[in-house]
Amino acid sequence: MQTLILLALVIVIFWVLFRPITKKELDRFNDKNWPDMDLH
């Protein structure tokens, strides 16, 4: 049972970290205008 919960957590964490970034998220990120964060 513990391994099932841990596996589910790992899958969720990987999905959050490596999911494709949507246009809305990119727009929100670009609207913040952080200094020294020009990644274009």
N, C-alpha and C. Protein backbone atom coordinates (compact mmCIF):
# COMPACT_ATOMS: atom_id res chain seq x y z
N MET A 1 0.83 -1.20 0.00
CA MET A 1 0.00 0.00 0.00
C MET A 1 0.87 1.26 0.00
N GLN A 2 1.92 1.26 0.81
CA GLN A 2 2.81 2.43 0.85
C GLN A 2 3.48 2.67 -0.49
N THR A 3 3.92 1.59 -1.14
CA THR A 3 4.58 1.76 -2.44
C THR A 3 3.63 2.32 -3.47
N LEU A 4 2.36 1.96 -3.39
CA LEU A 4 1.37 2.50 -4.33
C LEU A 4 1.20 4.00 -4.14
N ILE A 5 1.13 4.44 -2.89
CA ILE A 5 1.01 5.87 -2.59
C ILE A 5 2.26 6.62 -3.04
N LEU A 6 3.43 6.08 -2.75
CA LEU A 6 4.68 6.72 -3.17
C LEU A 6 4.79 6.80 -4.69
N LEU A 7 4.38 5.73 -5.37
CA LEU A 7 4.41 5.73 -6.83
C LEU A 7 3.48 6.80 -7.39
N ALA A 8 2.30 6.92 -6.82
CA ALA A 8 1.35 7.95 -7.27
C ALA A 8 1.92 9.35 -7.05
N LEU A 9 2.55 9.58 -5.91
CA LEU A 9 3.16 10.88 -5.64
C LEU A 9 4.27 11.20 -6.64
N VAL A 10 5.11 10.22 -6.93
CA VAL A 10 6.20 10.43 -7.88
C VAL A 10 5.65 10.76 -9.26
N ILE A 11 4.60 10.05 -9.68
CA ILE A 11 4.00 10.32 -10.99
C ILE A 11 3.43 11.72 -11.04
N VAL A 12 2.74 12.15 -9.99
CA VAL A 12 2.17 13.49 -9.95
C VAL A 12 3.27 14.54 -9.99
N ILE A 13 4.33 14.34 -9.22
CA ILE A 13 5.44 15.30 -9.20
C ILE A 13 6.09 15.40 -10.58
N PHE A 14 6.34 14.27 -11.22
CA PHE A 14 6.93 14.30 -12.55
C PHE A 14 5.99 14.96 -13.55
N TRP A 15 4.68 14.72 -13.45
CA TRP A 15 3.73 15.34 -14.37
C TRP A 15 3.73 16.85 -14.21
N VAL A 16 3.78 17.31 -12.96
CA VAL A 16 3.79 18.75 -12.71
C VAL A 16 5.08 19.38 -13.23
N LEU A 17 6.21 18.72 -13.03
CA LEU A 17 7.48 19.30 -13.44
C LEU A 17 7.70 19.27 -14.95
N PHE A 18 7.25 18.21 -15.60
CA PHE A 18 7.62 18.00 -16.99
C PHE A 18 6.45 18.08 -17.96
N ARG A 19 5.29 18.56 -17.51
CA ARG A 19 4.16 18.69 -18.43
C ARG A 19 4.47 19.80 -19.45
N PRO A 20 3.89 19.71 -20.63
CA PRO A 20 4.10 20.78 -21.62
C PRO A 20 3.49 22.09 -21.12
N ILE A 21 4.21 23.18 -21.30
CA ILE A 21 3.77 24.47 -20.81
C ILE A 21 2.74 25.04 -21.78
N THR A 22 1.61 25.45 -21.25
CA THR A 22 0.55 25.99 -22.09
C THR A 22 0.81 27.46 -22.39
N LYS A 23 0.10 27.97 -23.40
CA LYS A 23 0.26 29.38 -23.79
C LYS A 23 -0.11 30.30 -22.63
N LYS A 24 -1.15 29.95 -21.89
CA LYS A 24 -1.59 30.79 -20.78
C LYS A 24 -0.51 30.90 -19.72
N GLU A 25 0.15 29.79 -19.41
CA GLU A 25 1.23 29.82 -18.42
C GLU A 25 2.40 30.67 -18.92
N LEU A 26 2.72 30.55 -20.21
CA LEU A 26 3.81 31.37 -20.75
C LEU A 26 3.47 32.85 -20.68
N ASP A 27 2.24 33.20 -21.00
CA ASP A 27 1.83 34.61 -20.93
C ASP A 27 1.91 35.13 -19.50
N ARG A 28 1.46 34.32 -18.54
CA ARG A 28 1.51 34.74 -17.14
C ARG A 28 2.96 34.91 -16.69
N PHE A 29 3.83 34.00 -17.11
CA PHE A 29 5.25 34.10 -16.76
C PHE A 29 5.87 35.35 -17.37
N ASN A 30 5.55 35.65 -18.62
CA ASN A 30 6.14 36.81 -19.30
C ASN A 30 5.60 38.12 -18.76
N ASP A 31 4.40 38.12 -18.20
CA ASP A 31 3.81 39.34 -17.67
C ASP A 31 4.48 39.81 -16.37
N LYS A 32 5.21 38.92 -15.71
CA LYS A 32 5.81 39.30 -14.42
C LYS A 32 7.01 40.24 -14.60
N ASN A 33 7.66 40.17 -15.77
CA ASN A 33 8.80 41.03 -16.07
C ASN A 33 9.90 40.96 -15.01
N TRP A 34 10.29 39.74 -14.69
CA TRP A 34 11.36 39.57 -13.71
C TRP A 34 12.69 40.02 -14.31
N PRO A 35 13.54 40.68 -13.55
CA PRO A 35 14.86 41.04 -14.06
C PRO A 35 15.76 39.81 -14.23
N ASP A 36 16.60 39.86 -15.23
CA ASP A 36 17.57 38.79 -15.52
C ASP A 36 16.91 37.43 -15.78
N MET A 37 15.68 37.46 -16.25
CA MET A 37 15.00 36.18 -16.54
C MET A 37 14.61 36.12 -18.01
N ASP A 38 15.36 36.75 -18.90
CA ASP A 38 15.04 36.76 -20.32
C ASP A 38 15.47 35.43 -20.93
N LEU A 39 14.50 34.55 -21.14
CA LEU A 39 14.81 33.21 -21.62
C LEU A 39 14.50 33.03 -23.10
N HIS A 40 14.24 34.11 -23.82
CA HIS A 40 13.86 34.01 -25.24
C HIS A 40 15.09 33.70 -26.07
